[in-house]
Amino acid sequence: MTSSSSPLRTAGAALGILAGALGLLAVVVGALGAHAGLSTASSAWIETGLKYHLPHLAVAWAAVIAAPAAPPKARRDLLLAAALWSFGILAFAGGLYVQALSDLRPGIIVPAGAFGLIGGWIFAALAAVRLSRGAAA
């Protein structure tokens, strides 16, 4: 298997595409929140979702961009962090958006997303430790 078709490279490309889609989602939800005439409670759900969505999207995007230059184990950790942050955005922020824009209550999805966001930070820290140890890590 060549490095150009490695599973990590493919995962990085898929996560990059997902990050782009999540960026689009943030803009659409933000526009809905600003212009749809939602209740105060619904607007607060959207605002809270965006407070977590946007910064985690930025670090997920940065991890995807940095991963190809990292040693293999750090690359894997960066991509796992990006995947967990992406899941967290979809489940946590997405659950809040669903709650704001419909009568549905996402239940366990929102806390599961929060754990995804937390897990992403754990893998980012692990990648940082590996990177601080150099190429052998």
Protein backbone atom coordinates (compact mmCIF):
# COMPACT_ATOMS: atom_id res chain seq x y z
CA MET A 1 0.00 0.00 0.00
CA THR A 2 1.43 3.37 -0.95
CA SER A 3 1.37 6.32 1.39
CA SER A 4 -0.93 8.19 -1.00
CA SER A 5 -3.67 5.59 -0.43
CA SER A 6 -3.09 4.88 3.26
CA PRO A 7 -6.11 4.62 5.56
CA LEU A 8 -4.91 7.63 7.57
CA ARG A 9 -4.63 9.76 4.45
CA THR A 10 -8.12 8.70 3.36
CA ALA A 11 -9.46 9.41 6.87
CA GLY A 12 -7.83 12.83 6.81
CA ALA A 13 -9.43 13.67 3.47
CA ALA A 14 -12.84 12.51 4.71
CA LEU A 15 -12.47 14.54 7.91
CA GLY A 16 -11.47 17.59 5.87
CA ILE A 17 -14.64 17.26 3.80
CA LEU A 18 -16.69 16.77 6.96
CA ALA A 19 -15.12 19.90 8.50
CA GLY A 20 -16.16 21.87 5.43
CA ALA A 21 -19.71 20.57 5.75
CA LEU A 22 -19.75 21.42 9.46
CA GLY A 23 -18.60 24.94 8.63
CA LEU A 24 -21.49 25.27 6.21
CA LEU A 25 -23.85 23.98 8.89
CA ALA A 26 -22.60 26.61 11.35
CA VAL A 27 -23.32 29.43 8.90
CA VAL A 28 -26.79 28.10 8.06
CA VAL A 29 -27.74 27.58 11.71
CA GLY A 30 -26.37 30.99 12.65
CA ALA A 31 -28.43 32.61 9.89
CA LEU A 32 -31.54 30.74 11.00
CA GLY A 33 -30.95 31.81 14.58
CA ALA A 34 -30.56 35.43 13.55
CA HIS A 35 -33.39 35.71 11.06
CA ALA A 36 -36.03 33.04 11.75
CA GLY A 37 -37.85 34.88 14.54
CA LEU A 38 -37.29 32.09 17.05
CA SER A 39 -38.35 32.20 20.68
CA THR A 40 -35.85 33.36 23.28
CA ALA A 41 -35.38 29.78 24.47
CA SER A 42 -34.75 28.47 20.95
CA SER A 43 -32.31 31.28 20.24
CA ALA A 44 -30.45 30.38 23.44
CA TRP A 45 -30.17 26.72 22.35
CA ILE A 46 -28.74 27.81 19.01
CA GLU A 47 -26.34 30.25 20.65
CA THR A 48 -25.08 27.55 23.02
CA GLY A 49 -24.66 25.10 20.15
CA LEU A 50 -22.66 27.63 18.13
CA LYS A 51 -20.44 28.41 21.14
CA TYR A 52 -19.28 24.79 21.07
CA HIS A 53 -19.61 24.18 17.33
CA LEU A 54 -17.34 26.93 16.02
CA PRO A 55 -14.25 26.54 18.24
CA HIS A 56 -14.31 22.76 17.95
CA LEU A 57 -14.69 23.07 14.19
CA ALA A 58 -11.60 25.31 14.11
CA VAL A 59 -9.45 22.87 16.08
CA ALA A 60 -10.76 19.87 14.09
CA TRP A 61 -9.81 21.66 10.88
CA ALA A 62 -6.37 22.52 12.30
CA ALA A 63 -5.80 18.90 13.36
CA VAL A 64 -6.69 17.65 9.87
CA ILE A 65 -4.30 20.16 8.31
CA ALA A 66 -1.46 19.38 10.76
CA ALA A 67 -1.83 15.59 10.67
CA PRO A 68 0.03 14.85 7.40
CA ALA A 69 3.21 16.48 8.75
CA ALA A 70 3.11 14.58 12.06
CA PRO A 71 4.83 11.27 12.84
CA PRO A 72 2.51 8.25 12.42
CA LYS A 73 1.25 7.89 16.02
CA ALA A 74 0.74 11.63 16.47
CA ARG A 75 -0.98 11.72 13.06
CA ARG A 76 -3.36 9.00 14.21
CA ASP A 77 -4.07 10.88 17.46
CA LEU A 78 -4.72 14.15 15.60
CA LEU A 79 -7.15 12.44 13.25
CA LEU A 80 -8.89 10.70 16.16
CA ALA A 81 -9.20 14.09 17.88
CA ALA A 82 -10.70 15.59 14.71
CA ALA A 83 -13.11 12.66 14.37
CA LEU A 84 -14.23 12.95 18.00
CA TRP A 85 -14.66 16.71 17.73
CA SER A 86 -16.70 16.23 14.53
CA PHE A 87 -18.89 13.63 16.25
CA GLY A 88 -19.23 15.99 19.23
CA ILE A 89 -20.30 18.86 17.01
CA LEU A 90 -22.89 16.73 15.25
CA ALA A 91 -24.27 15.17 18.44
CA PHE A 92 -23.92 17.99 20.98
CA ALA A 93 -24.46 21.13 18.91
CA GLY A 94 -26.66 19.29 16.42
CA GLY A 95 -28.85 18.02 19.24
CA LEU A 96 -29.23 21.56 20.56
CA TYR A 97 -30.13 22.79 17.06
CA VAL A 98 -32.77 20.05 16.70
CA GLN A 99 -34.19 21.02 20.07
CA ALA A 100 -34.28 24.69 19.07
CA LEU A 101 -35.87 24.16 15.68
CA SER A 102 -38.39 21.39 16.44
CA ASP A 103 -40.41 19.74 19.17
CA LEU A 104 -37.95 16.83 19.31
CA ARG A 105 -35.78 16.28 22.38
CA PRO A 106 -32.50 14.55 21.49
CA GLY A 107 -32.07 12.89 24.91
CA ILE A 108 -28.78 11.03 25.35
CA ILE A 109 -27.37 12.33 22.04
CA VAL A 110 -26.37 15.70 23.51
CA PRO A 111 -24.36 14.30 26.47
CA ALA A 112 -22.78 11.70 24.14
CA GLY A 113 -21.65 14.59 21.96
CA ALA A 114 -20.17 16.34 24.97
CA PHE A 115 -18.10 13.22 25.68
CA GLY A 116 -16.97 13.30 22.05
CA LEU A 117 -15.77 16.88 22.46
CA ILE A 118 -13.92 15.93 25.66
CA GLY A 119 -12.41 12.85 24.01
CA GLY A 120 -11.09 14.99 21.19
CA TRP A 121 -9.13 17.08 23.67
CA ILE A 122 -7.68 13.93 25.24
CA PHE A 123 -6.35 12.75 21.87
CA ALA A 124 -5.09 16.25 21.05
CA ALA A 125 -3.13 16.25 24.31
CA LEU A 126 -1.76 12.80 23.52
CA ALA A 127 -0.68 14.02 20.08
CA ALA A 128 1.05 16.99 21.70
CA VAL A 129 2.96 14.68 24.04
CA ARG A 130 3.99 12.50 21.10
CA LEU A 131 5.05 15.53 19.06
CA SER A 132 7.12 16.86 21.96
CA ARG A 133 9.03 13.56 21.99
CA GLY A 134 9.94 13.88 18.32
CA ALA A 135 9.74 11.54 15.34
CA ALA A 136 10.13 8.35 17.41
CA ALA A 137 6.82 8.92 19.21
